Amino acid sequence: MSKIIFVVDDSLTNLSAAEAALEDDYTVMTLPSGEKAISLLDKVKPDLILLDIEMPEMNGFDVLSYIKYNEKFRDIPVIFLTAMLDEQIEIKALQMGIVDFITKPFSTPVLLNRIRLHLDMSGVIRERTMELNRAKQDVIFVLADVVENRDESTGDHLGRTSRLVRTLIETMKQQNIYLDLIKDWDDYLISECSLMHDVGKISTPDAILRKPGKLTPEEFEIMKYHTVAGERLLNKVIERSGENVFLQHSKIFAISHHERWNGTGYPYGLKGDEIPLQGRIMAIVDVYDALISKRVYKKAFTEDETLQLILNEKGKHFDPLLVDVLFSIKDRVRKEIYHNG
């Protein structure tokens, strides 16, 4: 499949010239305004953008700012098209992430060579970035595994909850639940991020983490700190290696999964949709698994008992819409995740 190139320019003459120069080698999409370019970005992600600077209403810098401050698009190489280049404009553009400038009117050989160069470079950078991100994720997965192995009572809690998170999000999309928030989520990536929800327990003392009975009020306060500890740990990773989608979602899962819909949760007592959606999802998944699974301090509840207890907390502990989603897939959850029935 040929690479996709957006050409954004308010001059129809320039759009036609660029299309004629590139159409034999690339899939070219010509767009006469910055607004149309941004609108199309939500549907098609190009491999490279040729962007005019001087356009009415939304100029090239406005479009560039939208691209570079959006996690989904910031890796797209952008080349400015310009009739003349001012030093201050060049400095500002380079600081914002422009990879090159092409002067108008452009020659076809120059245009093709610059595009090939940056597409090749972009591919190499993207591959190395993916390798680094995989390495970071591997290290963090090890941390999560260390936590689970310290807490011997949980069994395969992380694996089950991760699968349940993915199933819940898939169903939410099918049922148009919070679709505006999750339409761009990668279900598999988000489910992997959920593995980090208890990573802060790495700082929880063994005497508390492995205690078979009920915690004292003082011990419970120490246990509650694992949410903040998890966020801080992941912030340290971000400070050293840079922000990415995986770490950002992981951090949200860690800090918010013990918040409650009615505001009685911790660490911040957030209420309703103040709670990040990741935290609301993890809250119901985490409790469902804890109830239906055997622990050293309790027997496993039956599916009916588990669902009744969750229903009792609808609108209290849990987001009411998410309770409805869970009930709509209870048979699938029982068979596919808990292998029962």
Foldseek 3Di string as FASTA:
>chain_A
DAFEEEEEALDPVQQVVVCVLPVVRHHYDYHNHLVVVVVCCVPDQGQEYEAEADDPPQGRVNSLQVQCVDQVRNLRAYEYEEQDDDPVNVVVVVVSPHPYYAHPPHDSVVVVVVVVVVSVVSVVVVVVVVVVVVVVLVVLLVLLVVLCVLLVFQPPLLVLLLVVQLVLLVLCCVVVNVCVPPVPPDSNLLSSLLSLQQSLCVPQDSCLSHPQEDDDPVSVVSSLCSLVSSLVVLVVVCVVPNDHPSSVSSNLSNNQQQAFQCQPGDDGSDHHPVRPPSNQSNNLSSQLSVQQPCGSNDGHDPLVVSLVVVVVCDNPRHPNVSNVSCVVCVVVSCCPRVNHD
